[in-house]
């Protein structure tokens, strides 16, 4: 089973996003990234990758069973 785990920093940032629309945009980006495991970095958490949406970005590492989100960003 694949899953997405938010690290404490990413969870704090997610909670601090300026609006429900911002949180929805980040969640949409997370869903889009999770759909394509063939595009993830090698499993094991050694490599952190950034993915960008229209007004947001996420940094994540991959593991054999899912993603670990390390940070989230938003541009006003």
PDB file of N, CA and C in Angstrom:
ATOM      1  N   UNK A   1       0.842  -1.178   0.000  1.00  0.00           N
ATOM      2  CA  UNK A   1       0.000   0.000   0.000  1.00  0.00           C
ATOM      3  C   UNK A   1       0.889   1.243   0.000  1.00  0.00           C
ATOM      4  N   UNK A   2       0.547   2.198  -0.797  1.00  0.00           N
ATOM      5  CA  UNK A   2       1.300   3.444  -0.868  1.00  0.00           C
ATOM      6  C   UNK A   2       0.627   4.496   0.005  1.00  0.00           C
ATOM      7  N   UNK A   3       1.428   5.370   0.574  1.00  0.00           N
ATOM      8  CA  UNK A   3       0.880   6.424   1.414  1.00  0.00           C
ATOM      9  C   UNK A   3       1.772   7.651   1.325  1.00  0.00           C
ATOM     10  N   UNK A   4       1.265   8.761   1.843  1.00  0.00           N
ATOM     11  CA  UNK A   4       2.043   9.992   1.944  1.00  0.00           C
ATOM     12  C   UNK A   4       2.090  10.369   3.409  1.00  0.00           C
ATOM     13  N   UNK A   5       3.295  10.529   3.946  1.00  0.00           N
ATOM     14  CA  UNK A   5       3.467  10.921   5.342  1.00  0.00           C
ATOM     15  C   UNK A   5       4.060  12.320   5.383  1.00  0.00           C
ATOM     16  N   UNK A   6       3.423  13.220   6.130  1.00  0.00           N
ATOM     17  CA  UNK A   6       3.954  14.567   6.297  1.00  0.00           C
ATOM     18  C   UNK A   6       4.860  14.594   7.512  1.00  0.00           C
ATOM     19  N   UNK A   7       6.088  15.012   7.335  1.00  0.00           N
ATOM     20  CA  UNK A   7       6.975  15.213   8.469  1.00  0.00           C
ATOM     21  C   UNK A   7       6.447  16.379   9.300  1.00  0.00           C
ATOM     22  N   UNK A   8       6.890  16.511  10.547  1.00  0.00           N
ATOM     23  CA  UNK A   8       6.348  17.542  11.438  1.00  0.00           C
ATOM     24  C   UNK A   8       6.485  18.934  10.838  1.00  0.00           C
ATOM     25  N   UNK A   9       7.595  19.220  10.182  1.00  0.00           N
ATOM     26  CA  UNK A   9       7.782  20.546   9.583  1.00  0.00           C
ATOM     27  C   UNK A   9       6.760  20.781   8.481  1.00  0.00           C
ATOM     28  N   UNK A  10       6.579  19.803   7.610  1.00  0.00           N
ATOM     29  CA  UNK A  10       5.605  19.946   6.524  1.00  0.00           C
ATOM     30  C   UNK A  10       4.187  20.054   7.085  1.00  0.00           C
ATOM     31  N   UNK A  11       3.876  19.294   8.115  1.00  0.00           N
ATOM     32  CA  UNK A  11       2.541  19.364   8.721  1.00  0.00           C
ATOM     33  C   UNK A  11       2.302  20.739   9.329  1.00  0.00           C
ATOM     34  N   UNK A  12       3.307  21.304   9.988  1.00  0.00           N
ATOM     35  CA  UNK A  12       3.184  22.656  10.546  1.00  0.00           C
ATOM     36  C   UNK A  12       2.982  23.683   9.443  1.00  0.00           C
ATOM     37  N   UNK A  13       3.732  23.555   8.367  1.00  0.00           N
ATOM     38  CA  UNK A  13       3.607  24.488   7.246  1.00  0.00           C
ATOM     39  C   UNK A  13       2.229  24.346   6.613  1.00  0.00           C
ATOM     40  N   UNK A  14       1.758  23.118   6.426  1.00  0.00           N
ATOM     41  CA  UNK A  14       0.438  22.881   5.846  1.00  0.00           C
ATOM     42  C   UNK A  14      -0.636  23.570   6.688  1.00  0.00           C
ATOM     43  N   UNK A  15      -0.531  23.445   7.992  1.00  0.00           N
ATOM     44  CA  UNK A  15      -1.509  24.076   8.882  1.00  0.00           C
ATOM     45  C   UNK A  15      -1.430  25.600   8.812  1.00  0.00           C
ATOM     46  N   UNK A  16      -0.253  26.115   8.484  1.00  0.00           N
ATOM     47  CA  UNK A  16      -0.059  27.556   8.435  1.00  0.00           C
ATOM     48  C   UNK A  16      -0.299  28.196   7.076  1.00  0.00           C
ATOM     49  N   UNK A  17      -0.727  27.408   6.082  1.00  0.00           N
ATOM     50  CA  UNK A  17      -1.005  27.989   4.770  1.00  0.00           C
ATOM     51  C   UNK A  17      -2.146  29.003   4.894  1.00  0.00           C
ATOM     52  N   UNK A  18      -2.139  30.038   4.046  1.00  0.00           N
ATOM     53  CA  UNK A  18      -3.026  31.184   4.261  1.00  0.00           C
ATOM     54  C   UNK A  18      -4.516  30.943   4.026  1.00  0.00           C
ATOM     55  N   UNK A  19      -4.882  29.854   3.362  1.00  0.00           N
ATOM     56  CA  UNK A  19      -6.301  29.665   3.063  1.00  0.00           C
ATOM     57  C   UNK A  19      -6.599  28.200   2.763  1.00  0.00           C
ATOM     58  N   UNK A  20      -7.873  27.899   2.722  1.00  0.00           N
ATOM     59  CA  UNK A  20      -8.303  26.558   2.332  1.00  0.00           C
ATOM     60  C   UNK A  20      -7.901  26.276   0.889  1.00  0.00           C
ATOM     61  N   UNK A  21      -7.930  27.303   0.052  1.00  0.00           N
ATOM     62  CA  UNK A  21      -7.526  27.133  -1.349  1.00  0.00           C
ATOM     63  C   UNK A  21      -6.054  26.756  -1.444  1.00  0.00           C
ATOM     64  N   UNK A  22      -5.217  27.355  -0.610  1.00  0.00           N
ATOM     65  CA  UNK A  22      -3.790  27.023  -0.605  1.00  0.00           C
ATOM     66  C   UNK A  22      -3.579  25.577  -0.163  1.00  0.00           C
ATOM     67  N   UNK A  23      -4.263  25.162   0.900  1.00  0.00           N
ATOM     68  CA  UNK A  23      -4.150  23.774   1.356  1.00  0.00           C
ATOM     69  C   UNK A  23      -4.635  22.804   0.283  1.00  0.00           C
ATOM     70  N   UNK A  24      -5.723  23.164  -0.409  1.00  0.00           N
ATOM     71  CA  UNK A  24      -6.247  22.309  -1.473  1.00  0.00           C
ATOM     72  C   UNK A  24      -5.250  22.196  -2.625  1.00  0.00           C
ATOM     73  N   UNK A  25      -4.583  23.299  -2.974  1.00  0.00           N
ATOM     74  CA  UNK A  25      -3.595  23.276  -4.058  1.00  0.00           C
ATOM     75  C   UNK A  25      -2.429  22.355  -3.706  1.00  0.00           C
ATOM     76  N   UNK A  26      -1.964  22.422  -2.468  1.00  0.00           N
ATOM     77  CA  UNK A  26      -0.870  21.547  -2.035  1.00  0.00           C
ATOM     78  C   UNK A  26      -1.339  20.094  -2.026  1.00  0.00           C
ATOM     79  N   UNK A  27      -2.535  19.840  -1.530  1.00  0.00           N
ATOM     80  CA  UNK A  27      -3.062  18.471  -1.531  1.00  0.00           C
ATOM     81  C   UNK A  27      -3.197  17.941  -2.954  1.00  0.00           C
ATOM     82  N   UNK A  28      -3.642  18.784  -3.867  1.00  0.00           N
ATOM     83  CA  UNK A  28      -3.745  18.365  -5.270  1.00  0.00           C
ATOM     84  C   UNK A  28      -2.374  17.989  -5.833  1.00  0.00           C
ATOM     85  N   UNK A  29      -1.354  18.785  -5.492  1.00  0.00           N
ATOM     86  CA  UNK A  29      -0.003  18.479  -5.954  1.00  0.00           C
ATOM     87  C   UNK A  29       0.480  17.161  -5.350  1.00  0.00           C
ATOM     88  N   UNK A  30       0.201  16.928  -4.076  1.00  0.00           N
ATOM     89  CA  UNK A  30       0.576  15.668  -3.434  1.00  0.00           C
ATOM     90  C   UNK A  30      -0.085  14.480  -4.128  1.00  0.00           C
ATOM     91  N   UNK A  31      -1.355  14.610  -4.445  1.00  0.00           N
ATOM     92  CA  UNK A  31      -2.072  13.533  -5.134  1.00  0.00           C
ATOM     93  C   UNK A  31      -1.456  13.286  -6.507  1.00  0.00           C
ATOM     94  N   UNK A  32      -1.156  14.352  -7.220  1.00  0.00           N
ATOM     95  CA  UNK A  32      -0.572  14.219  -8.560  1.00  0.00           C
ATOM     96  C   UNK A  32       0.786  13.514  -8.499  1.00  0.00           C
ATOM     97  N   UNK A  33       1.619  13.902  -7.549  1.00  0.00           N
ATOM     98  CA  UNK A  33       2.936  13.270  -7.397  1.00  0.00           C
ATOM     99  C   UNK A  33       2.783  11.798  -7.013  1.00  0.00           C
ATOM    100  N   UNK A  34       1.863  11.508  -6.108  1.00  0.00           N
ATOM    101  CA  UNK A  34       1.680  10.133  -5.635  1.00  0.00           C
ATOM    102  C   UNK A  34       1.195   9.196  -6.744  1.00  0.00           C
ATOM    103  N   UNK A  35       0.556   9.723  -7.759  1.00  0.00           N
ATOM    104  CA  UNK A  35       0.030   8.910  -8.852  1.00  0.00           C
ATOM    105  C   UNK A  35       1.123   8.266  -9.705  1.00  0.00           C
ATOM    106  N   UNK A  36       2.309   8.835  -9.685  1.00  0.00           N
ATOM    107  CA  UNK A  36       3.360   8.418 -10.623  1.00  0.00           C
ATOM    108  C   UNK A  36       4.630   7.968  -9.906  1.00  0.00           C
ATOM    109  N   UNK A  37       4.600   6.818  -9.250  1.00  0.00           N
ATOM    110  CA  UNK A  37       5.788   6.355  -8.530  1.00  0.00           C
ATOM    111  C   UNK A  37       6.997   6.124  -9.429  1.00  0.00           C
ATOM    112  N   UNK A  38       6.770   5.940 -10.725  1.00  0.00           N
ATOM    113  CA  UNK A  38       7.904   5.750 -11.633  1.00  0.00           C
ATOM    114  C   UNK A  38       8.718   7.042 -11.785  1.00  0.00           C
ATOM    115  N   UNK A  39       8.172   8.172 -11.371  1.00  0.00           N
ATOM    116  CA  UNK A  39       8.889   9.453 -11.435  1.00  0.00           C
ATOM    117  C   UNK A  39       9.579   9.815 -10.118  1.00  0.00           C
ATOM    118  N   UNK A  40       9.348   9.035  -9.068  1.00  0.00           N
ATOM    119  CA  UNK A  40       9.943   9.316  -7.769  1.00  0.00           C
ATOM    120  C   UNK A  40      11.439   9.032  -7.804  1.00  0.00           C
ATOM    121  N   UNK A  41      12.189   9.635  -6.881  1.00  0.00           N
ATOM    122  CA  UNK A  41      13.603   9.275  -6.770  1.00  0.00           C
ATOM    123  C   UNK A  41      13.738   7.841  -6.242  1.00  0.00           C
ATOM    124  N   UNK A  42      14.942   7.327  -6.260  1.00  0.00           N
ATOM    125  CA  UNK A  42      15.180   5.969  -5.760  1.00  0.00           C
ATOM    126  C   UNK A  42      14.705   5.843  -4.317  1.00  0.00           C
ATOM    127  N   UNK A  43      14.052   4.731  -3.985  1.00  0.00           N
ATOM    128  CA  UNK A  43      13.584   4.534  -2.613  1.00  0.00           C
ATOM    129  C   UNK A  43      14.732   4.501  -1.611  1.00  0.00           C
ATOM    130  N   UNK A  44      14.432   4.892  -0.400  1.00  0.00           N
ATOM    131  CA  UNK A  44      15.408   4.838   0.672  1.00  0.00           C
ATOM    132  C   UNK A  44      15.561   6.152   1.411  1.00  0.00           C
ATOM    133  N   UNK A  45      15.002   7.228   0.878  1.00  0.00           N
ATOM    134  CA  UNK A  45      15.026   8.507   1.571  1.00  0.00           C
ATOM    135  C   UNK A  45      16.302   9.297   1.452  1.00  0.00           C
ATOM    136  N   UNK A  46      17.255   8.805   0.667  1.00  0.00           N
ATOM    137  CA  UNK A  46      18.530   9.504   0.527  1.00  0.00           C
ATOM    138  C   UNK A  46      18.413  10.773  -0.316  1.00  0.00           C
ATOM    139  N   UNK A  47      17.559  10.723  -1.341  1.00  0.00           N
ATOM    140  CA  UNK A  47      17.418  11.835  -2.273  1.00  0.00           C
ATOM    141  C   UNK A  47      16.094  12.558  -2.018  1.00  0.00           C
ATOM    142  N   UNK A  48      16.161  13.892  -1.900  1.00  0.00           N
ATOM    143  CA  UNK A  48      14.968  14.720  -1.733  1.00  0.00           C
ATOM    144  C   UNK A  48      14.731  15.464  -3.040  1.00  0.00           C
ATOM    145  N   UNK A  49      13.496  15.432  -3.507  1.00  0.00           N
ATOM    146  CA  UNK A  49      13.124  16.020  -4.788  1.00  0.00           C
ATOM    147  C   UNK A  49      12.072  17.103  -4.559  1.00  0.00           C
ATOM    148  N   UNK A  50      12.124  18.152  -5.368  1.00  0.00           N
ATOM    149  CA  UNK A  50      11.109  19.206  -5.341  1.00  0.00           C
ATOM    150  C   UNK A  50      10.185  19.036  -6.535  1.00  0.00           C
ATOM    151  N   UNK A  51       8.895  19.207  -6.304  1.00  0.00           N
ATOM    152  CA  UNK A  51       7.879  19.238  -7.362  1.00  0.00           C
ATOM    153  C   UNK A  51       7.121  20.541  -7.209  1.00  0.00           C
ATOM    154  N   UNK A  52       6.744  21.142  -8.335  1.00  0.00           N
ATOM    155  CA  UNK A  52       6.142  22.464  -8.321  1.00  0.00           C
ATOM    156  C   UNK A  52       4.746  22.457  -8.925  1.00  0.00           C
ATOM    157  N   UNK A  53       3.826  23.160  -8.251  1.00  0.00           N
ATOM    158  CA  UNK A  53       2.502  23.439  -8.780  1.00  0.00           C
ATOM    159  C   UNK A  53       2.486  24.890  -9.240  1.00  0.00           C
ATOM    160  N   UNK A  54       1.312  25.408  -9.514  1.00  0.00           N
ATOM    161  CA  UNK A  54       1.183  26.785  -9.983  1.00  0.00           C
ATOM    162  C   UNK A  54       1.673  27.788  -8.951  1.00  0.00           C
ATOM    163  N   UNK A  55       1.260  27.601  -7.692  1.00  0.00           N
ATOM    164  CA  UNK A  55       1.654  28.534  -6.634  1.00  0.00           C
ATOM    165  C   UNK A  55       2.235  27.830  -5.411  1.00  0.00           C
ATOM    166  N   UNK A  56       2.577  26.559  -5.561  1.00  0.00           N
ATOM    167  CA  UNK A  56       3.102  25.821  -4.414  1.00  0.00           C
ATOM    168  C   UNK A  56       4.170  24.834  -4.865  1.00  0.00           C
ATOM    169  N   UNK A  57       4.882  24.290  -3.878  1.00  0.00           N
ATOM    170  CA  UNK A  57       5.870  23.253  -4.145  1.00  0.00           C
ATOM    171  C   UNK A  57       5.956  22.340  -2.936  1.00  0.00           C
ATOM    172  N   UNK A  58       6.463  21.135  -3.170  1.00  0.00           N
ATOM    173  CA  UNK A  58       6.722  20.197  -2.089  1.00  0.00           C
ATOM    174  C   UNK A  58       8.120  19.616  -2.274  1.00  0.00           C
ATOM    175  N   UNK A  59       8.747  19.285  -1.172  1.00  0.00           N
ATOM    176  CA  UNK A  59      10.009  18.538  -1.172  1.00  0.00           C
ATOM    177  C   UNK A  59       9.707  17.181  -0.542  1.00  0.00           C
ATOM    178  N   UNK A  60      10.145  16.106  -1.200  1.00  0.00           N
ATOM    179  CA  UNK A  60       9.814  14.788  -0.679  1.00  0.00           C
ATOM    180  C   UNK A  60      10.924  13.785  -0.962  1.00  0.00           C
ATOM    181  N   UNK A  61      10.902  12.729  -0.171  1.00  0.00           N
ATOM    182  CA  UNK A  61      11.767  11.568  -0.369  1.00  0.00           C
ATOM    183  C   UNK A  61      10.857  10.375  -0.625  1.00  0.00           C
ATOM    184  N   UNK A  62      11.370   9.384  -1.309  1.00  0.00           N
ATOM    185  CA  UNK A  62      10.585   8.190  -1.627  1.00  0.00           C
ATOM    186  C   UNK A  62      11.073   6.991  -0.828  1.00  0.00           C
ATOM    187  N   UNK A  63      10.137   6.128  -0.506  1.00  0.00           N
ATOM    188  CA  UNK A  63      10.407   4.843   0.131  1.00  0.00           C
ATOM    189  C   UNK A  63       9.640   3.784  -0.643  1.00  0.00           C
ATOM    190  N   UNK A  64       9.890   2.546  -0.380  1.00  0.00           N
ATOM    191  CA  UNK A  64       9.238   1.485  -1.141  1.00  0.00           C
ATOM    192  C   UNK A  64       7.722   1.483  -0.958  1.00  0.00           C
ATOM    193  N   UNK A  65       7.241   2.021   0.158  1.00  0.00           N
ATOM    194  CA  UNK A  65       5.799   2.001   0.415  1.00  0.00           C
ATOM    195  C   UNK A  65       5.129   3.365   0.326  1.00  0.00           C
ATOM    196  N   UNK A  66       5.847   4.402  -0.097  1.00  0.00           N
ATOM    197  CA  UNK A  66       5.207   5.706  -0.239  1.00  0.00           C
ATOM    198  C   UNK A  66       6.187   6.857  -0.186  1.00  0.00           C
ATOM    199  N   UNK A  67       5.638   8.038   0.065  1.00  0.00           N
ATOM    200  CA  UNK A  67       6.410   9.276   0.083  1.00  0.00           C
ATOM    201  C   UNK A  67       6.497   9.845   1.484  1.00  0.00           C
ATOM    202  N   UNK A  68       7.575  10.543   1.745  1.00  0.00           N
ATOM    203  CA  UNK A  68       7.730  11.303   2.979  1.00  0.00           C
ATOM    204  C   UNK A  68       7.905  12.764   2.567  1.00  0.00           C
ATOM    205  N   UNK A  69       6.928  13.601   2.892  1.00  0.00           N
ATOM    206  CA  UNK A  69       6.989  15.018   2.544  1.00  0.00           C
ATOM    207  C   UNK A  69       7.824  15.723   3.595  1.00  0.00           C
ATOM    208  N   UNK A  70       8.872  16.395   3.147  1.00  0.00           N
ATOM    209  CA  UNK A  70       9.789  17.062   4.061  1.00  0.00           C
ATOM    210  C   UNK A  70       9.485  18.539   4.231  1.00  0.00           C
ATOM    211  N   UNK A  71       8.963  19.174   3.168  1.00  0.00           N
ATOM    212  CA  UNK A  71       8.658  20.607   3.271  1.00  0.00           C
ATOM    213  C   UNK A  71       7.615  20.976   2.223  1.00  0.00           C
ATOM    214  N   UNK A  72       6.948  22.083   2.474  1.00  0.00           N
ATOM    215  CA  UNK A  72       5.903  22.600   1.599  1.00  0.00           C
ATOM    216  C   UNK A  72       6.119  24.098   1.478  1.00  0.00           C
ATOM    217  N   UNK A  73       5.908  24.650   0.289  1.00  0.00           N
ATOM    218  CA  UNK A  73       6.022  26.086   0.098  1.00  0.00           C
ATOM    219  C   UNK A  73       4.830  26.643  -0.652  1.00  0.00           C
ATOM    220  N   UNK A  74       4.564  27.920  -0.427  1.00  0.00           N
ATOM    221  CA  UNK A  74       3.435  28.607  -1.055  1.00  0.00           C
ATOM    222  C   UNK A  74       3.850  30.010  -1.419  1.00  0.00           C
ATOM    223  N   UNK A  75       3.468  30.457  -2.596  1.00  0.00           N
ATOM    224  CA  UNK A  75       3.751  31.813  -3.046  1.00  0.00           C
ATOM    225  C   UNK A  75       2.444  32.583  -3.085  1.00  0.00           C
ATOM    226  N   UNK A  76       2.397  33.690  -2.351  1.00  0.00           N
ATOM    227  CA  UNK A  76       1.173  34.528  -2.352  1.00  0.00           C
ATOM    228  C   UNK A  76       1.037  35.306  -3.626  1.00  0.00           C
TER     229      UNK A  76
END
